[in-house]
Amino acid sequence: MVELKSERLILSKFTKNDASFFYELVNDPAWKQYIGDRNVNTILAAKKYLEDNVIPSYDTFGFGFYIVRLKEDNTSIGMCGLIKRDWMDYVEIGYAFLAEYRGKGYAIESSIATKNYAKEKLNIPQIAAITNIDNEKSGILLNRLGLEFSKLISYPGENKKCRLYLEK
């Protein structure tokens, strides 16, 4: 069982029991604006999404997205982790947090723990990230994490552009 720890956070694998939190997260207005609508409109749909799209990554790749909880009281506040898309040459880092936990340093703290895990335990040579073209705050965080803007890319099946960040 992968469990990453930082000063204030614990990151662990999602389970289907996290469906109600996941439902709340993917229906957050910022998620829909910057990541996209996943059509997860019920807690049951959230459970299915986790079972079909998030949890299989742990066995397939040995990593995935992890639920982020506060160490002090185990409150679920967001997610951070790694994804390998079939159309991408890189393993990407990604994160999302509920509104009340943004701006408190949790995204960078969990991203550093995830990046260190990717490097030290998984031996992933280069981390990438993609962001919505309008998501400047994520771009700033990725710069702090040691990634820099590389180029604009198109997400398959969509005609809008995304920003690709690569590790320096």
Protein backbone atom coordinates (compact mmCIF):
# COMPACT_ATOMS: atom_id res chain seq x y z
CA MET A 1 0.00 0.00 0.00
CA VAL A 2 1.54 3.26 -1.12
CA GLU A 3 1.32 5.98 1.46
CA LEU A 4 3.27 9.17 1.04
CA LYS A 5 3.70 11.58 3.90
CA SER A 6 4.77 15.19 4.10
CA GLU A 7 4.83 17.62 6.98
CA ARG A 8 1.04 18.13 7.03
CA LEU A 9 -0.34 15.56 4.59
CA ILE A 10 -0.87 11.88 3.93
CA LEU A 11 -1.37 10.66 0.36
CA SER A 12 -2.82 7.19 -0.21
CA LYS A 13 -4.55 5.18 -2.90
CA PHE A 14 -8.16 5.94 -3.67
CA THR A 15 -10.69 3.23 -2.88
CA LYS A 16 -14.33 3.00 -3.89
CA ASN A 17 -15.11 4.18 -0.33
CA ASP A 18 -13.79 7.61 -1.35
CA ALA A 19 -16.61 8.06 -3.89
CA SER A 20 -18.48 10.74 -1.98
CA PHE A 21 -15.33 12.88 -1.60
CA PHE A 22 -14.40 12.28 -5.26
CA TYR A 23 -17.91 13.34 -6.31
CA GLU A 24 -17.49 16.61 -4.41
CA LEU A 25 -14.02 17.23 -5.90
CA VAL A 26 -14.89 16.59 -9.57
CA ASN A 27 -17.98 18.78 -9.29
CA ASP A 28 -16.05 21.73 -7.86
CA PRO A 29 -16.41 24.70 -10.28
CA ALA A 30 -12.62 25.07 -10.64
CA TRP A 31 -12.26 21.37 -11.52
CA LYS A 32 -14.87 21.75 -14.24
CA GLN A 33 -13.26 24.97 -15.50
CA TYR A 34 -9.63 23.83 -15.58
CA ILE A 35 -9.77 20.03 -15.78
CA GLY A 36 -13.13 19.38 -17.40
CA ASP A 37 -16.52 17.90 -16.71
CA ARG A 38 -16.22 14.16 -16.15
CA ASN A 39 -20.02 13.72 -16.08
CA VAL A 40 -19.85 12.33 -12.55
CA ASN A 41 -23.31 13.42 -11.49
CA THR A 42 -23.99 11.03 -8.61
CA ILE A 43 -21.98 9.35 -5.88
CA LEU A 44 -22.64 6.04 -7.63
CA ALA A 45 -21.13 7.50 -10.82
CA ALA A 46 -18.13 8.68 -8.76
CA LYS A 47 -17.64 5.14 -7.44
CA LYS A 48 -17.77 3.76 -10.99
CA TYR A 49 -15.35 6.43 -12.24
CA LEU A 50 -12.89 5.53 -9.48
CA GLU A 51 -13.26 1.80 -10.22
CA ASP A 52 -12.91 2.24 -14.00
CA ASN A 53 -10.44 5.13 -14.35
CA VAL A 54 -8.45 5.80 -11.19
CA ILE A 55 -7.94 2.58 -9.23
CA PRO A 56 -6.78 0.38 -12.19
CA SER A 57 -3.72 2.63 -12.66
CA TYR A 58 -2.16 1.31 -9.44
CA ASP A 59 -1.93 -2.23 -10.87
CA THR A 60 -1.28 -1.19 -14.47
CA PHE A 61 1.51 1.33 -13.83
CA GLY A 62 2.39 1.03 -10.14
CA PHE A 63 1.18 4.58 -9.49
CA GLY A 64 -1.86 6.77 -9.93
CA PHE A 65 -3.75 9.59 -8.29
CA TYR A 66 -3.76 9.61 -4.51
CA ILE A 67 -6.28 11.06 -2.14
CA VAL A 68 -4.71 13.82 -0.01
CA ARG A 69 -5.69 14.00 3.64
CA LEU A 70 -4.65 16.25 6.48
CA LYS A 71 -2.39 14.44 8.94
CA GLU A 72 -3.96 16.17 11.94
CA ASP A 73 -7.53 14.92 11.49
CA ASN A 74 -7.60 12.74 8.33
CA THR A 75 -9.85 15.21 6.45
CA SER A 76 -9.87 14.55 2.68
CA ILE A 77 -8.86 17.79 0.96
CA GLY A 78 -7.80 16.92 -2.59
CA MET A 79 -5.86 14.62 -4.84
CA CYS A 80 -2.36 14.52 -6.23
CA GLY A 81 -0.55 11.89 -8.20
CA LEU A 82 0.80 10.55 -11.43
CA ILE A 83 -0.91 9.57 -14.65
CA LYS A 84 0.33 7.84 -17.79
CA ARG A 85 -1.90 8.58 -20.75
CA ASP A 86 -1.60 6.38 -23.83
CA TRP A 87 -1.21 9.43 -26.08
CA MET A 88 1.51 11.08 -23.98
CA ASP A 89 5.23 10.24 -23.97
CA TYR A 90 5.63 11.31 -20.35
CA VAL A 91 4.31 10.46 -16.92
CA GLU A 92 2.40 13.51 -15.72
CA ILE A 93 1.84 14.94 -12.31
CA GLY A 94 -1.55 16.37 -11.48
CA TYR A 95 -3.47 17.72 -8.51
CA ALA A 96 -6.78 19.24 -7.49
CA PHE A 97 -8.04 20.54 -4.16
CA LEU A 98 -11.36 21.62 -2.75
CA ALA A 99 -11.77 25.40 -2.66
CA GLU A 100 -11.36 25.77 1.11
CA TYR A 101 -7.93 24.10 0.95
CA ARG A 102 -6.45 26.11 -1.93
CA GLY A 103 -3.88 28.80 -1.25
CA LYS A 104 -2.52 27.03 1.84
CA GLY A 105 0.49 25.33 0.24
CA TYR A 106 -1.07 21.86 0.13
CA ALA A 107 -0.76 21.53 -3.66
CA ILE A 108 2.99 22.24 -3.70
CA GLU A 109 3.57 20.14 -0.57
CA SER A 110 1.77 17.11 -2.02
CA SER A 111 3.36 17.65 -5.45
CA ILE A 112 6.87 17.67 -3.98
CA ALA A 113 6.13 14.42 -2.11
CA THR A 114 4.72 12.89 -5.31
CA LYS A 115 7.63 14.06 -7.46
CA ASN A 116 10.16 12.71 -4.94
CA TYR A 117 8.33 9.37 -4.90
CA ALA A 118 8.35 9.28 -8.72
CA LYS A 119 12.09 9.93 -8.83
CA GLU A 120 13.33 7.93 -5.85
CA LYS A 121 11.02 4.90 -5.80
CA LEU A 122 9.64 4.62 -9.33
CA ASN A 123 12.76 5.82 -11.20
CA ILE A 124 10.72 7.99 -13.56
CA PRO A 125 13.32 10.06 -15.43
CA GLN A 126 11.22 13.07 -16.40
CA ILE A 127 7.92 14.36 -15.06
CA ALA A 128 5.53 16.40 -17.19
CA ALA A 129 2.23 18.17 -16.63
CA ILE A 130 -0.51 19.62 -18.77
CA THR A 131 -2.75 22.50 -17.79
CA ASN A 132 -5.66 24.38 -19.20
CA ILE A 133 -4.30 27.34 -21.18
CA ASP A 134 -5.99 29.75 -18.73
CA ASN A 135 -4.75 28.10 -15.53
CA GLU A 136 -1.94 30.48 -14.60
CA LYS A 137 -1.86 29.46 -10.92
CA SER A 138 -1.02 25.87 -11.84
CA GLY A 139 1.71 27.13 -14.16
CA ILE A 140 3.29 29.05 -11.28
CA LEU A 141 3.13 25.97 -9.04
CA LEU A 142 4.67 23.79 -11.75
CA ASN A 143 7.52 26.28 -12.15
CA ARG A 144 8.14 26.07 -8.38
CA LEU A 145 8.15 22.27 -8.74
CA GLY A 146 10.94 22.47 -11.36
CA LEU A 147 8.88 22.18 -14.54
CA GLU A 148 8.82 24.78 -17.27
CA PHE A 149 6.44 25.55 -20.10
CA SER A 150 7.47 23.62 -23.22
CA LYS A 151 4.74 24.12 -25.84
CA LEU A 152 1.03 24.19 -26.56
CA ILE A 153 -0.50 20.83 -27.37
CA SER A 154 -3.95 19.63 -28.35
CA TYR A 155 -5.79 17.19 -26.14
CA PRO A 156 -6.97 14.31 -28.37
CA GLY A 157 -10.55 14.73 -29.51
CA GLU A 158 -10.67 18.36 -28.47
CA ASN A 159 -9.74 21.42 -30.47
CA LYS A 160 -8.67 23.51 -27.49
CA LYS A 161 -5.01 23.87 -26.63
CA CYS A 162 -3.29 22.87 -23.37
CA ARG A 163 0.05 23.90 -21.96
CA LEU A 164 2.71 21.18 -21.70
CA TYR A 165 5.24 21.58 -18.89
CA LEU A 166 8.40 19.49 -18.72
CA GLU A 167 10.91 19.02 -15.97
CA LYS A 168 13.95 21.25 -16.46
